[in-house]
Amino acid sequence: MMSNLSTLNDKDLVAFLIDGSQKAFEELYVRYKGRLIYFCKRFLKDQIGAEDVVADIFTQIWETRATLDREQSFSGYVHKMAQNRILNKFRQFDVHSRFAQYILMNEKDSTNQTEDTIIFDDYAKLLNELIESLSPRQREIFRLSRVEGLTYKEISDLLKISVDTVQEHASNALKKIKEHLTQHTDIHFKTVTTLLMLLV
């Protein structure tokens, strides 16, 4: 049986892994490496970062193999590990990472990516469209504040304008974007409602 590991299901492979089989570990790695990297890259937008996350996941799996639950879904287990590591990588709570966090934390099935792909495509299209509808100064301040995660004080220092001026432009930009958002019925409903929730 050990010579035909590729024909075994995850549950049997995990049982062999718990007993210390390196070949079972390698089979699980080959089976899940690609899909996990793809999953991580969708959120991190970084191929190397995604590969590092997956390598870390499987290192931990090997080191803690004796404690694995052979009755637990291995697919669900590794995707949950990936979700946790992605969330830990978000350092700036800008609109992009907050949107990704929201989708990650509300995913019901990490292996079903169709809806999330639609949401992310809609999100990117919609946010860019909304930003482009702003005046040049509003657009600049909104990007620095909501996309790059700078504070009003940092923006003030960068643009050589007062904090009050930055706050006024940011407030007007946000008001205009929210008004535009409520008019969009052609975009995925979850995208619009999520952006409205995050842009507070």
Protein backbone atom coordinates (compact mmCIF):
# COMPACT_ATOMS: atom_id res chain seq x y z
CA MET A 1 0.00 0.00 0.00
CA MET A 2 2.81 2.39 0.84
CA SER A 3 4.05 2.18 -2.76
CA ASN A 4 0.78 3.71 -4.05
CA LEU A 5 0.36 6.67 -1.77
CA SER A 6 -1.08 8.83 -4.54
CA THR A 7 -4.15 6.60 -4.62
CA LEU A 8 -4.89 6.99 -0.90
CA ASN A 9 -7.30 9.50 0.56
CA ASP A 10 -6.20 12.24 2.94
CA LYS A 11 -7.40 10.39 6.01
CA ASP A 12 -5.22 7.36 5.28
CA LEU A 13 -2.23 9.53 4.47
CA VAL A 14 -2.63 11.41 7.75
CA ALA A 15 -2.72 8.07 9.59
CA PHE A 16 0.62 7.11 8.01
CA LEU A 17 1.99 10.58 8.74
CA ILE A 18 1.06 10.29 12.41
CA ASP A 19 3.09 7.08 12.48
CA GLY A 20 6.07 9.01 11.10
CA SER A 21 5.90 8.29 7.37
CA GLN A 22 7.93 10.88 5.48
CA LYS A 23 6.55 9.60 2.17
CA ALA A 24 2.98 10.23 3.35
CA PHE A 25 4.03 13.73 4.37
CA GLU A 26 5.57 14.33 0.95
CA GLU A 27 2.41 13.11 -0.78
CA LEU A 28 0.24 15.50 1.24
CA TYR A 29 2.67 18.31 0.49
CA VAL A 30 2.54 17.65 -3.25
CA ARG A 31 -1.24 17.33 -3.09
CA TYR A 32 -1.83 20.65 -1.31
CA LYS A 33 1.17 22.85 -2.06
CA GLY A 34 -0.18 24.37 -5.29
CA ARG A 35 -3.68 25.12 -4.09
CA LEU A 36 -2.43 26.60 -0.81
CA ILE A 37 0.07 28.87 -2.56
CA TYR A 38 -2.70 30.02 -4.89
CA PHE A 39 -4.99 30.65 -1.92
CA CYS A 40 -2.35 32.65 -0.01
CA LYS A 41 -1.27 34.64 -3.04
CA ARG A 42 -4.83 35.85 -3.63
CA PHE A 43 -4.64 37.71 -0.32
CA LEU A 44 -0.95 38.52 0.03
CA LYS A 45 -0.39 39.45 -3.64
CA ASP A 46 3.12 38.09 -3.22
CA GLN A 47 4.34 34.78 -4.68
CA ILE A 48 7.37 34.45 -2.41
CA GLY A 49 5.35 35.41 0.65
CA ALA A 50 2.72 32.82 -0.26
CA GLU A 51 5.38 30.13 -0.70
CA ASP A 52 6.90 31.04 2.68
CA VAL A 53 3.52 30.67 4.37
CA VAL A 54 2.97 27.23 2.86
CA ALA A 55 6.49 26.10 3.77
CA ASP A 56 5.86 27.23 7.34
CA ILE A 57 2.57 25.36 7.46
CA PHE A 58 4.10 22.07 6.38
CA THR A 59 7.07 22.50 8.66
CA GLN A 60 4.66 22.78 11.56
CA ILE A 61 2.63 19.81 10.33
CA TRP A 62 5.74 17.63 10.25
CA GLU A 63 6.93 18.80 13.65
CA THR A 64 3.53 18.22 15.27
CA ARG A 65 2.51 15.16 13.25
CA ALA A 66 2.00 13.00 16.33
CA THR A 67 -0.78 15.31 17.53
CA LEU A 68 -2.75 15.42 14.27
CA ASP A 69 -6.39 14.35 14.36
CA ARG A 70 -6.83 11.67 11.71
CA GLU A 71 -10.61 12.21 11.75
CA GLN A 72 -10.33 15.92 10.96
CA SER A 73 -10.49 17.17 7.37
CA PHE A 74 -6.88 17.74 6.33
CA SER A 75 -7.98 20.21 3.65
CA GLY A 76 -9.93 22.28 6.17
CA TYR A 77 -7.07 22.07 8.65
CA VAL A 78 -4.36 23.39 6.32
CA HIS A 79 -6.62 26.10 4.90
CA LYS A 80 -7.40 27.29 8.41
CA MET A 81 -3.67 27.39 9.17
CA ALA A 82 -3.18 29.46 6.01
CA GLN A 83 -5.95 31.86 7.00
CA ASN A 84 -4.40 32.42 10.42
CA ARG A 85 -0.96 33.10 8.98
CA ILE A 86 -2.30 35.51 6.38
CA LEU A 87 -4.18 37.46 9.03
CA ASN A 88 -1.01 37.65 11.13
CA LYS A 89 0.85 39.15 8.17
CA PHE A 90 -1.47 42.12 7.90
CA ARG A 91 0.30 44.94 9.72
CA GLN A 92 -1.45 48.03 8.31
CA PHE A 93 -5.21 48.15 8.68
CA ASP A 94 -5.79 49.96 5.39
CA VAL A 95 -8.84 49.34 3.27
CA HIS A 96 -7.16 46.58 1.24
CA SER A 97 -6.04 44.47 4.17
CA ARG A 98 -9.27 45.09 6.07
CA PHE A 99 -11.25 43.91 3.04
CA ALA A 100 -9.08 40.81 2.75
CA GLN A 101 -9.43 40.18 6.47
CA TYR A 102 -13.20 40.43 6.27
CA ILE A 103 -13.41 37.94 3.42
CA LEU A 104 -10.99 35.56 5.14
CA MET A 105 -12.82 35.65 8.45
CA ASN A 106 -16.21 35.11 6.83
CA GLU A 107 -15.32 32.36 4.38
CA LYS A 108 -17.58 29.35 4.84
CA ASP A 109 -15.62 27.09 2.51
CA SER A 110 -11.99 27.94 1.87
CA THR A 111 -11.75 25.43 -0.98
CA ASN A 112 -14.58 27.08 -2.94
CA GLN A 113 -12.98 30.16 -4.47
CA THR A 114 -15.54 31.15 -7.13
CA GLU A 115 -17.50 33.67 -5.07
CA ASP A 116 -14.38 35.19 -3.51
CA THR A 117 -12.80 35.63 -6.95
CA ILE A 118 -15.90 37.52 -8.10
CA ILE A 119 -15.87 39.64 -4.95
CA PHE A 120 -12.18 40.54 -5.29
CA ASP A 121 -12.53 41.38 -8.99
CA ASP A 122 -15.56 43.57 -8.25
CA TYR A 123 -13.82 45.15 -5.29
CA ALA A 124 -10.70 46.16 -7.26
CA LYS A 125 -12.77 47.54 -10.12
CA LEU A 126 -15.14 49.42 -7.85
CA LEU A 127 -12.55 50.94 -5.54
CA ASN A 128 -10.42 52.18 -8.44
CA GLU A 129 -13.49 53.68 -10.10
CA LEU A 130 -14.52 55.44 -6.89
CA ILE A 131 -11.04 56.82 -6.27
CA GLU A 132 -10.81 58.15 -9.83
CA SER A 133 -14.09 60.03 -9.35
CA LEU A 134 -12.49 62.21 -6.66
CA SER A 135 -10.76 65.53 -7.17
CA PRO A 136 -6.95 65.29 -7.54
CA ARG A 137 -6.28 66.37 -3.94
CA GLN A 138 -9.04 64.17 -2.49
CA ARG A 139 -7.73 61.25 -4.54
CA GLU A 140 -4.18 61.77 -3.30
CA ILE A 141 -5.20 61.99 0.36
CA PHE A 142 -7.62 59.07 0.15
CA ARG A 143 -4.95 56.82 -1.35
CA LEU A 144 -2.39 57.82 1.27
CA SER A 145 -4.87 57.37 4.11
CA ARG A 146 -7.06 54.43 3.12
CA VAL A 147 -4.88 52.50 0.69
CA GLU A 148 -1.37 53.07 2.06
CA GLY A 149 -2.43 53.37 5.69
CA LEU A 150 -0.77 56.69 6.57
CA THR A 151 -2.08 58.77 9.47
CA TYR A 152 -3.39 62.30 8.95
CA LYS A 153 -0.27 63.64 10.65
CA GLU A 154 2.00 61.66 8.30
CA ILE A 155 0.04 62.92 5.30
CA SER A 156 0.22 66.47 6.64
CA ASP A 157 4.01 66.24 6.91
CA LEU A 158 4.33 64.63 3.48
CA LEU A 159 2.13 67.12 1.61
CA LYS A 160 3.12 70.18 3.68
CA ILE A 161 -0.46 71.04 4.56
CA SER A 162 -2.26 71.25 7.89
CA VAL A 163 -3.80 68.24 9.60
CA ASP A 164 -7.17 70.02 9.51
CA THR A 165 -6.90 70.38 5.73
CA VAL A 166 -6.03 66.71 5.38
CA GLN A 167 -8.98 65.76 7.56
CA GLU A 168 -11.37 67.95 5.57
CA HIS A 169 -10.28 66.47 2.22
CA ALA A 170 -10.45 62.94 3.63
CA SER A 171 -13.92 63.53 5.04
CA ASN A 172 -15.21 64.95 1.75
CA ALA A 173 -13.64 62.09 -0.20
CA LEU A 174 -15.22 59.51 2.07
CA LYS A 175 -18.63 61.18 1.82
CA LYS A 176 -18.43 61.23 -1.98
CA ILE A 177 -17.34 57.60 -2.17
CA LYS A 178 -20.17 56.46 0.11
CA GLU A 179 -22.68 58.35 -2.03
CA HIS A 180 -21.36 56.62 -5.15
CA LEU A 181 -21.38 53.22 -3.45
CA THR A 182 -25.08 53.37 -2.70
CA GLN A 183 -25.78 53.92 -6.39
CA HIS A 184 -24.04 50.73 -7.55
CA THR A 185 -26.52 47.94 -8.25
CA ASP A 186 -24.40 46.34 -10.97
CA ILE A 187 -21.64 45.22 -8.58
CA HIS A 188 -21.66 42.14 -6.35
CA PHE A 189 -23.85 43.08 -3.35
CA LYS A 190 -21.38 41.67 -0.82
CA THR A 191 -18.61 43.87 -2.25
CA VAL A 192 -20.63 47.06 -1.87
CA THR A 193 -21.89 46.28 1.63
CA THR A 194 -18.43 45.22 2.80
CA LEU A 195 -16.81 48.41 1.51
CA LEU A 196 -19.52 50.52 3.15
CA MET A 197 -18.84 48.75 6.42
CA LEU A 198 -15.07 49.19 6.19
CA LEU A 199 -15.05 52.82 5.11
CA VAL A 200 -15.88 54.26 8.52
